[in-house]
Amino acid sequence: MRLVALSGATMIGLLLAQNVNAAVIYAGQERAAAVCSQCHGIKTPSADAPFPPLAGRDVAYLKMALEQYRDKTRKNDIMNAIAGSLTDNDISNVAAYYAGLKP
């Protein structure tokens, strides 16, 4: 095993990156619980719902789909209305949260 010495600035940068990532995941979890989970569930779709599960999906795909729904280049009345209220940060946070879940 090889040990690598890291500077204080590098260590601080790594810790900040972890905190930022944790904040993104937490914000995504809050938004998903408030908005997305009613139809898509968290790990599996809600009972009797024809909506796809989002857990474990690719983060880039989730971001692209939400942006397309928000911008109405992808058509679905329900998703266009819901995604229309999402900011770029909301989309990134929700995508990061769902992508990090195991299906």
N, C-alpha and C. Protein backbone atom coordinates (compact mmCIF):
# COMPACT_ATOMS: atom_id res chain seq x y z
N MET A 1 0.84 -1.17 0.00
CA MET A 1 0.00 0.00 0.00
C MET A 1 0.89 1.24 0.00
N ARG A 2 0.56 2.19 -0.83
CA ARG A 2 1.36 3.40 -0.98
C ARG A 2 0.61 4.58 -0.39
N LEU A 3 1.24 5.31 0.47
CA LEU A 3 0.64 6.49 1.06
C LEU A 3 1.05 7.73 0.28
N VAL A 4 0.10 8.62 0.12
CA VAL A 4 0.37 9.85 -0.61
C VAL A 4 0.13 11.02 0.34
N ALA A 5 1.08 11.91 0.40
CA ALA A 5 0.94 13.10 1.24
C ALA A 5 0.11 14.14 0.49
N LEU A 6 -0.87 14.69 1.17
CA LEU A 6 -1.71 15.72 0.57
C LEU A 6 -1.50 17.04 1.32
N SER A 7 -1.52 18.11 0.57
CA SER A 7 -1.37 19.42 1.20
C SER A 7 -2.65 19.76 1.96
N GLY A 8 -2.55 20.72 2.85
CA GLY A 8 -3.72 21.17 3.61
C GLY A 8 -4.81 21.68 2.70
N ALA A 9 -4.44 22.41 1.65
CA ALA A 9 -5.43 22.94 0.71
C ALA A 9 -6.14 21.82 -0.03
N THR A 10 -5.39 20.78 -0.38
CA THR A 10 -6.01 19.64 -1.07
C THR A 10 -7.00 18.94 -0.15
N MET A 11 -6.62 18.75 1.09
CA MET A 11 -7.52 18.11 2.06
C MET A 11 -8.79 18.93 2.26
N ILE A 12 -8.65 20.23 2.38
CA ILE A 12 -9.82 21.10 2.54
C ILE A 12 -10.71 21.01 1.30
N GLY A 13 -10.09 21.01 0.13
CA GLY A 13 -10.85 20.88 -1.12
C GLY A 13 -11.63 19.59 -1.17
N LEU A 14 -11.03 18.49 -0.76
CA LEU A 14 -11.72 17.20 -0.76
C LEU A 14 -12.88 17.19 0.23
N LEU A 15 -12.68 17.77 1.40
CA LEU A 15 -13.75 17.83 2.39
C LEU A 15 -14.90 18.71 1.91
N LEU A 16 -14.58 19.84 1.30
CA LEU A 16 -15.63 20.71 0.77
C LEU A 16 -16.40 20.03 -0.34
N ALA A 17 -15.71 19.30 -1.20
CA ALA A 17 -16.38 18.59 -2.30
C ALA A 17 -17.35 17.56 -1.74
N GLN A 18 -16.95 16.87 -0.68
CA GLN A 18 -17.84 15.88 -0.07
C GLN A 18 -19.05 16.58 0.54
N ASN A 19 -18.85 17.72 1.19
CA ASN A 19 -19.96 18.44 1.80
C ASN A 19 -20.92 18.97 0.74
N VAL A 20 -20.39 19.47 -0.36
CA VAL A 20 -21.23 19.97 -1.45
C VAL A 20 -22.04 18.83 -2.02
N ASN A 21 -21.39 17.68 -2.26
CA ASN A 21 -22.10 16.53 -2.80
C ASN A 21 -23.21 16.08 -1.84
N ALA A 22 -22.92 16.06 -0.55
CA ALA A 22 -23.93 15.69 0.44
C ALA A 22 -25.10 16.67 0.42
N ALA A 23 -24.81 17.95 0.28
CA ALA A 23 -25.87 18.96 0.22
C ALA A 23 -26.73 18.78 -1.02
N VAL A 24 -26.11 18.45 -2.13
CA VAL A 24 -26.85 18.22 -3.38
C VAL A 24 -27.77 17.03 -3.22
N ILE A 25 -27.26 15.94 -2.67
CA ILE A 25 -28.06 14.73 -2.47
C ILE A 25 -29.21 15.02 -1.52
N TYR A 26 -28.94 15.73 -0.43
CA TYR A 26 -29.99 16.05 0.54
C TYR A 26 -31.07 16.92 -0.09
N ALA A 27 -30.66 17.94 -0.83
CA ALA A 27 -31.63 18.81 -1.51
C ALA A 27 -32.44 18.03 -2.53
N GLY A 28 -31.78 17.13 -3.25
CA GLY A 28 -32.50 16.28 -4.20
C GLY A 28 -33.49 15.35 -3.53
N GLN A 29 -33.11 14.83 -2.37
CA GLN A 29 -33.99 13.95 -1.62
C GLN A 29 -35.24 14.71 -1.17
N GLU A 30 -35.05 15.92 -0.68
CA GLU A 30 -36.18 16.74 -0.23
C GLU A 30 -37.14 17.02 -1.40
N ARG A 31 -36.57 17.42 -2.55
CA ARG A 31 -37.41 17.76 -3.70
C ARG A 31 -38.11 16.52 -4.24
N ALA A 32 -37.39 15.40 -4.31
CA ALA A 32 -37.98 14.15 -4.80
C ALA A 32 -39.13 13.71 -3.89
N ALA A 33 -38.95 13.82 -2.58
CA ALA A 33 -39.99 13.43 -1.64
C ALA A 33 -41.23 14.31 -1.80
N ALA A 34 -40.99 15.60 -2.05
CA ALA A 34 -42.10 16.55 -2.15
C ALA A 34 -42.83 16.48 -3.49
N VAL A 35 -42.10 16.17 -4.57
CA VAL A 35 -42.69 16.28 -5.90
C VAL A 35 -42.73 14.95 -6.65
N CYS A 36 -41.60 14.32 -6.82
CA CYS A 36 -41.46 13.18 -7.73
C CYS A 36 -42.03 11.88 -7.18
N SER A 37 -41.89 11.68 -5.88
CA SER A 37 -42.20 10.37 -5.30
C SER A 37 -43.68 10.02 -5.34
N GLN A 38 -44.55 11.00 -5.48
CA GLN A 38 -45.98 10.70 -5.54
C GLN A 38 -46.31 9.79 -6.71
N CYS A 39 -45.60 9.93 -7.80
CA CYS A 39 -45.83 9.08 -8.98
C CYS A 39 -44.72 8.06 -9.18
N HIS A 40 -43.48 8.51 -9.07
CA HIS A 40 -42.33 7.65 -9.37
C HIS A 40 -41.85 6.86 -8.17
N GLY A 41 -42.32 7.18 -6.99
CA GLY A 41 -41.84 6.53 -5.78
C GLY A 41 -40.40 6.92 -5.52
N ILE A 42 -39.80 6.23 -4.57
CA ILE A 42 -38.39 6.49 -4.29
C ILE A 42 -37.57 5.39 -4.97
N LYS A 43 -37.75 4.16 -4.56
CA LYS A 43 -37.03 3.05 -5.20
C LYS A 43 -37.90 2.31 -6.20
N THR A 44 -39.19 2.32 -5.99
CA THR A 44 -40.14 1.70 -6.92
C THR A 44 -41.31 2.66 -7.09
N PRO A 45 -42.01 2.57 -8.22
CA PRO A 45 -43.15 3.49 -8.43
C PRO A 45 -44.23 3.28 -7.38
N SER A 46 -45.04 4.29 -7.18
CA SER A 46 -46.17 4.16 -6.27
C SER A 46 -47.09 3.07 -6.77
N ALA A 47 -47.83 2.46 -5.85
CA ALA A 47 -48.73 1.37 -6.21
C ALA A 47 -49.74 1.82 -7.25
N ASP A 48 -50.03 0.96 -8.19
CA ASP A 48 -51.01 1.20 -9.25
C ASP A 48 -50.67 2.39 -10.15
N ALA A 49 -49.43 2.80 -10.19
CA ALA A 49 -49.03 3.92 -11.04
C ALA A 49 -48.25 3.40 -12.25
N PRO A 50 -48.55 3.92 -13.43
CA PRO A 50 -47.85 3.47 -14.63
C PRO A 50 -46.54 4.22 -14.90
N PHE A 51 -45.98 4.83 -13.87
CA PHE A 51 -44.80 5.66 -14.04
C PHE A 51 -43.53 4.86 -13.81
N PRO A 52 -42.47 5.14 -14.56
CA PRO A 52 -41.24 4.36 -14.41
C PRO A 52 -40.50 4.70 -13.12
N PRO A 53 -39.82 3.71 -12.55
CA PRO A 53 -38.98 4.01 -11.39
C PRO A 53 -37.75 4.80 -11.84
N LEU A 54 -37.26 5.67 -10.99
CA LEU A 54 -36.11 6.51 -11.35
C LEU A 54 -34.84 6.11 -10.62
N ALA A 55 -34.95 5.30 -9.58
CA ALA A 55 -33.78 4.91 -8.79
C ALA A 55 -32.75 4.20 -9.66
N GLY A 56 -31.51 4.67 -9.57
CA GLY A 56 -30.41 4.04 -10.28
C GLY A 56 -30.26 4.44 -11.74
N ARG A 57 -31.12 5.31 -12.22
CA ARG A 57 -31.00 5.77 -13.61
C ARG A 57 -29.77 6.66 -13.76
N ASP A 58 -29.28 6.76 -14.97
CA ASP A 58 -28.11 7.58 -15.27
C ASP A 58 -28.40 9.05 -15.00
N VAL A 59 -27.49 9.71 -14.28
CA VAL A 59 -27.69 11.11 -13.89
C VAL A 59 -27.83 12.02 -15.12
N ALA A 60 -27.04 11.78 -16.14
CA ALA A 60 -27.11 12.62 -17.35
C ALA A 60 -28.46 12.45 -18.04
N TYR A 61 -28.96 11.22 -18.08
CA TYR A 61 -30.27 10.98 -18.69
C TYR A 61 -31.37 11.68 -17.90
N LEU A 62 -31.34 11.55 -16.59
CA LEU A 62 -32.37 12.19 -15.76
C LEU A 62 -32.37 13.71 -15.93
N LYS A 63 -31.18 14.30 -15.94
CA LYS A 63 -31.08 15.75 -16.13
C LYS A 63 -31.63 16.15 -17.49
N MET A 64 -31.24 15.42 -18.54
CA MET A 64 -31.70 15.75 -19.88
C MET A 64 -33.22 15.64 -19.98
N ALA A 65 -33.78 14.56 -19.44
CA ALA A 65 -35.23 14.37 -19.52
C ALA A 65 -35.96 15.48 -18.77
N LEU A 66 -35.52 15.82 -17.57
CA LEU A 66 -36.18 16.88 -16.82
C LEU A 66 -36.07 18.23 -17.50
N GLU A 67 -34.92 18.51 -18.08
CA GLU A 67 -34.76 19.77 -18.82
C GLU A 67 -35.68 19.80 -20.04
N GLN A 68 -35.81 18.69 -20.73
CA GLN A 68 -36.69 18.63 -21.90
C GLN A 68 -38.15 18.79 -21.49
N TYR A 69 -38.55 18.17 -20.38
CA TYR A 69 -39.92 18.37 -19.90
C TYR A 69 -40.14 19.82 -19.49
N ARG A 70 -39.17 20.40 -18.80
CA ARG A 70 -39.30 21.79 -18.36
C ARG A 70 -39.42 22.73 -19.55
N ASP A 71 -38.60 22.49 -20.59
CA ASP A 71 -38.60 23.34 -21.77
C ASP A 71 -39.67 22.98 -22.78
N LYS A 72 -40.43 21.94 -22.48
CA LYS A 72 -41.54 21.44 -23.32
C LYS A 72 -41.08 20.96 -24.69
N THR A 73 -39.82 20.53 -24.79
CA THR A 73 -39.37 19.88 -26.03
C THR A 73 -39.68 18.38 -25.96
N ARG A 74 -40.00 17.90 -24.78
CA ARG A 74 -40.50 16.54 -24.56
C ARG A 74 -41.89 16.74 -24.00
N LYS A 75 -42.88 16.16 -24.65
CA LYS A 75 -44.27 16.45 -24.33
C LYS A 75 -44.90 15.42 -23.40
N ASN A 76 -45.44 15.92 -22.31
CA ASN A 76 -46.26 15.16 -21.38
C ASN A 76 -46.87 16.21 -20.46
N ASP A 77 -48.19 16.34 -20.50
CA ASP A 77 -48.84 17.42 -19.76
C ASP A 77 -48.47 17.43 -18.27
N ILE A 78 -48.45 16.26 -17.65
CA ILE A 78 -48.13 16.19 -16.22
C ILE A 78 -46.69 16.61 -15.98
N MET A 79 -45.76 15.98 -16.71
CA MET A 79 -44.35 16.27 -16.49
C MET A 79 -43.98 17.69 -16.92
N ASN A 80 -44.60 18.21 -17.97
CA ASN A 80 -44.32 19.59 -18.39
C ASN A 80 -44.72 20.56 -17.27
N ALA A 81 -45.85 20.30 -16.62
CA ALA A 81 -46.30 21.18 -15.53
C ALA A 81 -45.38 21.06 -14.31
N ILE A 82 -45.02 19.83 -13.96
CA ILE A 82 -44.18 19.63 -12.77
C ILE A 82 -42.77 20.15 -13.01
N ALA A 83 -42.16 19.77 -14.11
CA ALA A 83 -40.78 20.17 -14.40
C ALA A 83 -40.68 21.66 -14.67
N GLY A 84 -41.78 22.28 -15.08
CA GLY A 84 -41.77 23.71 -15.34
C GLY A 84 -41.41 24.55 -14.13
N SER A 85 -41.61 23.99 -12.94
CA SER A 85 -41.30 24.73 -11.71
C SER A 85 -39.89 24.44 -11.20
N LEU A 86 -39.13 23.57 -11.88
CA LEU A 86 -37.81 23.19 -11.40
C LEU A 86 -36.72 24.14 -11.92
N THR A 87 -35.81 24.52 -11.05
CA THR A 87 -34.65 25.31 -11.45
C THR A 87 -33.56 24.35 -11.94
N ASP A 88 -32.51 24.91 -12.52
CA ASP A 88 -31.37 24.07 -12.92
C ASP A 88 -30.80 23.32 -11.72
N ASN A 89 -30.72 23.99 -10.57
CA ASN A 89 -30.22 23.33 -9.36
C ASN A 89 -31.14 22.21 -8.91
N ASP A 90 -32.45 22.45 -8.96
CA ASP A 90 -33.41 21.40 -8.59
C ASP A 90 -33.20 20.16 -9.47
N ILE A 91 -33.07 20.39 -10.75
CA ILE A 91 -32.89 19.28 -11.70
C ILE A 91 -31.61 18.52 -11.39
N SER A 92 -30.53 19.23 -11.18
CA SER A 92 -29.25 18.57 -10.86
C SER A 92 -29.36 17.80 -9.55
N ASN A 93 -29.99 18.38 -8.55
CA ASN A 93 -30.11 17.74 -7.25
C ASN A 93 -30.97 16.48 -7.32
N VAL A 94 -32.12 16.57 -7.97
CA VAL A 94 -33.02 15.42 -8.08
C VAL A 94 -32.35 14.30 -8.89
N ALA A 95 -31.70 14.67 -9.97
CA ALA A 95 -31.01 13.68 -10.80
C ALA A 95 -29.90 12.99 -10.01
N ALA A 96 -29.13 13.75 -9.24
CA ALA A 96 -28.06 13.17 -8.44
C ALA A 96 -28.63 12.24 -7.37
N TYR A 97 -29.73 12.65 -6.77
CA TYR A 97 -30.35 11.83 -5.72
C TYR A 97 -30.83 10.49 -6.29
N TYR A 98 -31.66 10.54 -7.33
CA TYR A 98 -32.21 9.30 -7.89
C TYR A 98 -31.10 8.42 -8.49
N ALA A 99 -30.11 9.03 -9.13
CA ALA A 99 -29.03 8.23 -9.73
C ALA A 99 -28.24 7.49 -8.66
N GLY A 100 -28.17 8.04 -7.47
CA GLY A 100 -27.40 7.42 -6.40
C GLY A 100 -28.12 6.32 -5.66
N LEU A 101 -29.41 6.15 -5.94
CA LEU A 101 -30.18 5.10 -5.27
C LEU A 101 -30.00 3.77 -5.99
N LYS A 102 -30.06 2.71 -5.22
CA LYS A 102 -30.07 1.37 -5.84
C LYS A 102 -31.51 0.99 -6.12
N PRO A 103 -31.78 0.54 -7.33
CA PRO A 103 -33.17 0.16 -7.66
C PRO A 103 -33.65 -1.05 -6.85
